[in-house]
Amino acid sequence: VAESMDEAFKVFDKDNDGFITSDELKRILTKYQVAESMDEAFKVFDKDNDGFITSDELKRILTKYQVAESMDEDEVTEVLSYVDTNGDGTIDFAEFIEMIKEIT
């Protein structure tokens, strides 16, 4: 998982300074026409619009944008578990925002 997370980090960290700025995050999301706001970004992950990101939805979007080409189901579950602070097995909007804050 650490290698996959490093790969994902590098996609966002365009200047390779070890930090993802809000500008870098916005640039990558806009580049892929993914989102211009966090609400829109969340909706991209939450394909069924139920208000939660499942492991299948997380893997789908990470694979689509070539962040997780080599991640297996266990690694996706581990990433989800890290972000899923309330332990319900999904990522809600508040957890998503905290994840974005942590990487920016």
Foldseek 3Di string as FASTA:
>chain_A
DVVLVVLLLCQQCVVPPQARDPVSVCCSCVVVPQDNDLVSVVCQLVVVPPQWHALVSQVVVCVVVVSPVPDDSVRSQVVQVVLPPVPPRTHGSVSSVVVVVVRD
